[in-house]
Amino acid sequence: MKKIIAHFRAKPEQIATFLKQRNISQSDAEKYGLCYFPDRYALPEFIRQNESYYREINFLNESGHPILHNRIGIPMNSDGIACRDISGKSEQKYITLIDKGLRKSDLLYRLDENKEAIKQAGYAIVTEGQIDEWAFEKVGLNNVVSSYSAIFSKEQAQLLSRHTDLVYLCFDNDTAGRRASITGWINALESKLKVLFVNKFGDCSDPDEYINKYGRSGIDTLLSQPDDMYKIFRNLNDETKEKFLEKIIDSFSSIADIEYISDIFLKFNYCPKKYMLKLLKRIVKTFENAEIFSYVVNPKNNLYADKTVYAMLYWLGIHKEKNGDMKDHLPMIKSLPDYRISTGDIMNILLEYRR
């Protein structure tokens, strides 16, 4: 990969039009080590001598011809190159070359360079594309990385969690970008990252366009008014909400801290019966103890069956120990929404687990 990056290093005259269109300076092009793949070029000797490797990393097709033409190459550290079409004719905006054994989802663009700025700022900004990342750096915001695509993966969340506990997802202002933001939030659950969203770019389609138009003051204003997942969730239709809940519950299989999960569901304040029961099974299997349910399933305590699941979630959210008095919290529990969970539902789950 390093040989490709060195051999195809862009010359100023080769990429001048692209830089002007994107408001990128020549010094920035040198800073980011841009490559250029022209329409036609002869294969260098080092590629001809090792064609099998260059097929594996997607540089050559099966016939031994290069697949990159009229593209700007953005090095992904020394692990790969994200190659962006500049002809406007290709159906693939990006083609990625990456070393064997690696995936884009394992990497974050500019993390090594910007991890100290992330620690100092106390949060990280995550963009879809590298050019969006450059736009933030251009106005002095260096606590920024790119996920290389409209996906913020579990692996990327884990990488960032070593440097911060707060992430602003700043994806494009389109349907794909908004969907990717929700998926990114789910993927960050396991790392317990708090994720906020900044994508209200008005008449602009992405952060790069917005920053070029409104500058540092404009993006600072957006960063000061982020949305959280709970606000976005409330504005989803029921079908989308249920798909979202399914993904969240499925992601819980690797999360040991049920208090964290319980807090999420209480804040959503929405969960149809089948998802509540699925979540309850996860809780029962995690705590391996029916004692915690003995109080809330007792009709004498005036909770009634309909409140039991929420009551259990609330219990788990406020008690780190398996002791304490539920009576102190009855007023709050009685005010929780009614999801028609019966005592029979609860007991069936307990019996199923005990078998």
Foldseek 3Di string as FASTA:
>chain_A
DVVQLVVQQDDCVQCVVVCVVLVHDPVVSVVQSKGFAAQDDDDDPVCVVPVVQCVVQQQAPPVGHGPDHQWIWGDQPPFWTWTAHPPVPDPDRTDIGGHPPDDLLLGKGCCVVQLVLCLVVQEAEEEADPSLQVLCVVQPRRSYIYSPHLANALNNLQVCLVRHQEYEYFYWQDPSNVVSLLNNCLSNVQSNRFYWYQHPQDPDGGNSVSCVVPNDVRVVVSVVDTHGPLVVLVPDDPVVNQVSLVSNLVSCPNHLQLLSVLVVVVSNLDDADVSLLSNVLVVCVNVVDCVLQVVLLDCVVVLAQQLRSNLSSVVSNPDPDSDDDCVVVVVVSSPRDGNPHHSVSVVVSVVVVVD
